[in-house]
Amino acid sequence: MEQLRLTAAETSPSRTPRVEAYETYVKGRFSAVQFPNTRSQSYFEDAKHRLEAAVALDPDLAEAWAALGVIQHHRLYPPRG
């Protein structure tokens, strides 16, 4: 039986996100991090708007999709304490 060997470059392709999308994601992520602690609707709206803009610019930007899920989770299930 012949063995198949893959190098790291073949198993984890490098992808650079669009700069504008990533910058928009970073700004949205800042608001997303503030939202659970402050419960401020303005942080939620800002995060949602910026993160949705980031995925519109680069639909493959997984970090932005994940952050959208996190803010929705925190909106529906606020942290206790």
N, C-alpha and C. Protein backbone atom coordinates (compact mmCIF):
# COMPACT_ATOMS: atom_id res chain seq x y z
N MET A 1 0.84 -1.17 0.00
CA MET A 1 0.00 0.00 0.00
C MET A 1 0.90 1.24 0.00
N GLU A 2 0.61 2.14 -0.86
CA GLU A 2 1.40 3.37 -0.99
C GLU A 2 0.89 4.41 0.00
N GLN A 3 1.83 5.06 0.70
CA GLN A 3 1.45 6.09 1.67
C GLN A 3 1.47 7.46 1.00
N LEU A 4 0.52 8.26 1.41
CA LEU A 4 0.43 9.63 0.91
C LEU A 4 0.98 10.55 1.98
N ARG A 5 1.92 11.40 1.62
CA ARG A 5 2.49 12.35 2.57
C ARG A 5 2.20 13.77 2.08
N LEU A 6 1.69 14.58 3.01
CA LEU A 6 1.38 15.97 2.70
C LEU A 6 2.26 16.88 3.53
N THR A 7 2.68 17.96 2.93
CA THR A 7 3.44 18.96 3.68
C THR A 7 2.47 19.91 4.36
N ALA A 8 2.97 20.71 5.30
CA ALA A 8 2.12 21.67 6.00
C ALA A 8 1.48 22.64 5.02
N ALA A 9 2.20 23.05 4.00
CA ALA A 9 1.66 23.99 3.02
C ALA A 9 0.48 23.39 2.26
N GLU A 10 0.49 22.09 2.09
CA GLU A 10 -0.61 21.44 1.37
C GLU A 10 -1.83 21.19 2.26
N THR A 11 -1.64 21.11 3.56
CA THR A 11 -2.76 20.80 4.45
C THR A 11 -3.41 22.04 5.03
N SER A 12 -2.70 23.15 5.08
CA SER A 12 -3.28 24.37 5.64
C SER A 12 -2.97 25.55 4.71
N PRO A 13 -3.79 25.71 3.70
CA PRO A 13 -3.52 26.78 2.75
C PRO A 13 -3.57 28.15 3.42
N SER A 14 -2.65 28.98 3.01
CA SER A 14 -2.59 30.33 3.55
C SER A 14 -3.54 31.22 2.76
N ARG A 15 -4.33 32.00 3.48
CA ARG A 15 -5.26 32.90 2.84
C ARG A 15 -5.20 34.24 3.55
N THR A 16 -5.00 35.27 2.80
CA THR A 16 -4.97 36.61 3.37
C THR A 16 -6.32 37.26 3.14
N PRO A 17 -7.00 37.69 4.22
CA PRO A 17 -8.30 38.35 4.03
C PRO A 17 -8.12 39.72 3.39
N ARG A 18 -9.15 40.21 2.78
CA ARG A 18 -9.11 41.57 2.22
C ARG A 18 -8.89 42.54 3.36
N VAL A 19 -8.00 43.50 3.15
CA VAL A 19 -7.62 44.45 4.20
C VAL A 19 -8.82 45.21 4.71
N GLU A 20 -9.66 45.72 3.82
CA GLU A 20 -10.83 46.49 4.25
C GLU A 20 -11.77 45.63 5.10
N ALA A 21 -11.95 44.38 4.70
CA ALA A 21 -12.82 43.48 5.47
C ALA A 21 -12.23 43.21 6.84
N TYR A 22 -10.92 43.00 6.91
CA TYR A 22 -10.30 42.70 8.19
C TYR A 22 -10.34 43.91 9.12
N GLU A 23 -10.09 45.09 8.59
CA GLU A 23 -10.16 46.31 9.41
C GLU A 23 -11.58 46.51 9.95
N THR A 24 -12.57 46.26 9.12
CA THR A 24 -13.96 46.38 9.55
C THR A 24 -14.27 45.35 10.63
N TYR A 25 -13.75 44.14 10.46
CA TYR A 25 -13.93 43.08 11.45
C TYR A 25 -13.33 43.50 12.80
N VAL A 26 -12.12 44.05 12.78
CA VAL A 26 -11.45 44.44 14.03
C VAL A 26 -12.27 45.50 14.77
N LYS A 27 -12.80 46.46 14.04
CA LYS A 27 -13.63 47.50 14.67
C LYS A 27 -14.91 46.89 15.24
N GLY A 28 -15.51 45.97 14.50
CA GLY A 28 -16.71 45.29 14.99
C GLY A 28 -16.41 44.41 16.17
N ARG A 29 -15.26 43.77 16.17
CA ARG A 29 -14.87 42.90 17.27
C ARG A 29 -14.70 43.70 18.56
N PHE A 30 -14.18 44.93 18.45
CA PHE A 30 -14.06 45.78 19.64
C PHE A 30 -15.42 45.99 20.28
N SER A 31 -16.41 46.36 19.47
CA SER A 31 -17.76 46.57 20.02
C SER A 31 -18.35 45.26 20.53
N ALA A 32 -18.04 44.16 19.84
CA ALA A 32 -18.57 42.86 20.26
C ALA A 32 -18.03 42.47 21.63
N VAL A 33 -16.78 42.80 21.92
CA VAL A 33 -16.19 42.47 23.21
C VAL A 33 -16.80 43.34 24.31
N GLN A 34 -17.15 44.58 23.99
CA GLN A 34 -17.74 45.49 24.98
C GLN A 34 -19.18 45.12 25.32
N PHE A 35 -19.91 44.56 24.36
CA PHE A 35 -21.35 44.32 24.53
C PHE A 35 -21.72 43.46 25.74
N PRO A 36 -21.10 42.28 25.95
CA PRO A 36 -21.55 41.45 27.08
C PRO A 36 -21.38 42.11 28.44
N ASN A 37 -20.35 42.93 28.58
CA ASN A 37 -20.09 43.57 29.87
C ASN A 37 -20.98 44.78 30.12
N THR A 38 -21.29 45.50 29.06
CA THR A 38 -22.05 46.75 29.23
C THR A 38 -23.54 46.56 28.99
N ARG A 39 -23.89 45.55 28.21
CA ARG A 39 -25.28 45.31 27.77
C ARG A 39 -25.83 46.51 27.02
N SER A 40 -24.94 47.32 26.46
CA SER A 40 -25.33 48.51 25.72
C SER A 40 -25.82 48.13 24.32
N GLN A 41 -27.03 48.53 24.01
CA GLN A 41 -27.60 48.23 22.70
C GLN A 41 -26.77 48.87 21.59
N SER A 42 -26.17 50.03 21.88
CA SER A 42 -25.37 50.69 20.85
C SER A 42 -24.13 49.87 20.49
N TYR A 43 -23.50 49.20 21.48
CA TYR A 43 -22.36 48.32 21.16
C TYR A 43 -22.82 47.14 20.32
N PHE A 44 -23.99 46.59 20.67
CA PHE A 44 -24.51 45.46 19.90
C PHE A 44 -24.77 45.87 18.46
N GLU A 45 -25.46 46.98 18.27
CA GLU A 45 -25.79 47.43 16.91
C GLU A 45 -24.54 47.76 16.11
N ASP A 46 -23.56 48.41 16.75
CA ASP A 46 -22.32 48.74 16.06
C ASP A 46 -21.58 47.46 15.66
N ALA A 47 -21.47 46.52 16.58
CA ALA A 47 -20.79 45.26 16.28
C ALA A 47 -21.49 44.52 15.16
N LYS A 48 -22.79 44.41 15.24
CA LYS A 48 -23.57 43.69 14.22
C LYS A 48 -23.39 44.35 12.85
N HIS A 49 -23.49 45.67 12.81
CA HIS A 49 -23.35 46.39 11.54
C HIS A 49 -21.96 46.18 10.94
N ARG A 50 -20.92 46.35 11.74
CA ARG A 50 -19.55 46.23 11.23
C ARG A 50 -19.20 44.79 10.84
N LEU A 51 -19.64 43.82 11.64
CA LEU A 51 -19.34 42.43 11.33
C LEU A 51 -20.09 41.96 10.08
N GLU A 52 -21.32 42.39 9.91
CA GLU A 52 -22.05 42.06 8.69
C GLU A 52 -21.39 42.71 7.48
N ALA A 53 -20.87 43.93 7.65
CA ALA A 53 -20.15 44.60 6.56
C ALA A 53 -18.88 43.83 6.22
N ALA A 54 -18.20 43.33 7.23
CA ALA A 54 -16.96 42.58 7.00
C ALA A 54 -17.23 41.31 6.20
N VAL A 55 -18.28 40.57 6.54
CA VAL A 55 -18.56 39.34 5.79
C VAL A 55 -19.11 39.65 4.39
N ALA A 56 -19.72 40.81 4.23
CA ALA A 56 -20.14 41.20 2.88
C ALA A 56 -18.92 41.49 2.00
N LEU A 57 -17.89 42.07 2.61
CA LEU A 57 -16.66 42.36 1.87
C LEU A 57 -15.84 41.11 1.59
N ASP A 58 -15.83 40.19 2.55
CA ASP A 58 -15.07 38.95 2.41
C ASP A 58 -15.85 37.81 3.07
N PRO A 59 -16.68 37.12 2.29
CA PRO A 59 -17.52 36.06 2.85
C PRO A 59 -16.74 34.89 3.46
N ASP A 60 -15.45 34.79 3.16
CA ASP A 60 -14.63 33.71 3.71
C ASP A 60 -13.92 34.10 5.01
N LEU A 61 -14.22 35.28 5.54
CA LEU A 61 -13.58 35.74 6.78
C LEU A 61 -14.27 35.08 7.97
N ALA A 62 -13.79 33.91 8.32
CA ALA A 62 -14.42 33.09 9.36
C ALA A 62 -14.49 33.79 10.71
N GLU A 63 -13.49 34.61 11.02
CA GLU A 63 -13.47 35.31 12.30
C GLU A 63 -14.69 36.22 12.45
N ALA A 64 -15.08 36.87 11.36
CA ALA A 64 -16.24 37.76 11.40
C ALA A 64 -17.52 36.96 11.60
N TRP A 65 -17.64 35.83 10.91
CA TRP A 65 -18.82 34.97 11.09
C TRP A 65 -18.91 34.49 12.53
N ALA A 66 -17.78 34.09 13.09
CA ALA A 66 -17.77 33.61 14.47
C ALA A 66 -18.17 34.71 15.45
N ALA A 67 -17.65 35.92 15.24
CA ALA A 67 -17.99 37.03 16.13
C ALA A 67 -19.47 37.37 16.04
N LEU A 68 -20.05 37.26 14.85
CA LEU A 68 -21.50 37.48 14.71
C LEU A 68 -22.27 36.47 15.56
N GLY A 69 -21.84 35.24 15.54
CA GLY A 69 -22.49 34.22 16.35
C GLY A 69 -22.37 34.50 17.84
N VAL A 70 -21.21 34.98 18.25
CA VAL A 70 -20.97 35.27 19.67
C VAL A 70 -21.88 36.40 20.15
N ILE A 71 -21.98 37.49 19.36
CA ILE A 71 -22.83 38.60 19.84
C ILE A 71 -24.30 38.20 19.87
N GLN A 72 -24.72 37.38 18.92
CA GLN A 72 -26.12 36.92 18.94
C GLN A 72 -26.35 36.04 20.17
N HIS A 73 -25.37 35.20 20.49
CA HIS A 73 -25.49 34.35 21.68
C HIS A 73 -25.61 35.21 22.94
N HIS A 74 -24.74 36.22 23.05
CA HIS A 74 -24.77 37.09 24.24
C HIS A 74 -26.03 37.93 24.30
N ARG A 75 -26.60 38.23 23.15
CA ARG A 75 -27.87 38.99 23.15
C ARG A 75 -29.00 38.12 23.68
N LEU A 76 -29.00 36.86 23.26
CA LEU A 76 -30.08 35.95 23.67
C LEU A 76 -29.87 35.37 25.07
N TYR A 77 -28.61 35.15 25.44
CA TYR A 77 -28.28 34.55 26.73
C TYR A 77 -27.27 35.44 27.46
N PRO A 78 -27.73 36.50 28.10
CA PRO A 78 -26.81 37.42 28.77
C PRO A 78 -26.00 36.72 29.86
N PRO A 79 -24.75 37.16 30.03
CA PRO A 79 -23.94 36.57 31.08
C PRO A 79 -24.54 36.84 32.48
N ARG A 80 -24.40 35.88 33.34
CA ARG A 80 -24.91 36.05 34.71
C ARG A 80 -23.83 36.65 35.58
N GLY A 81 -24.26 37.35 36.58
CA GLY A 81 -23.27 37.84 37.52
C GLY A 81 -23.43 39.22 37.82
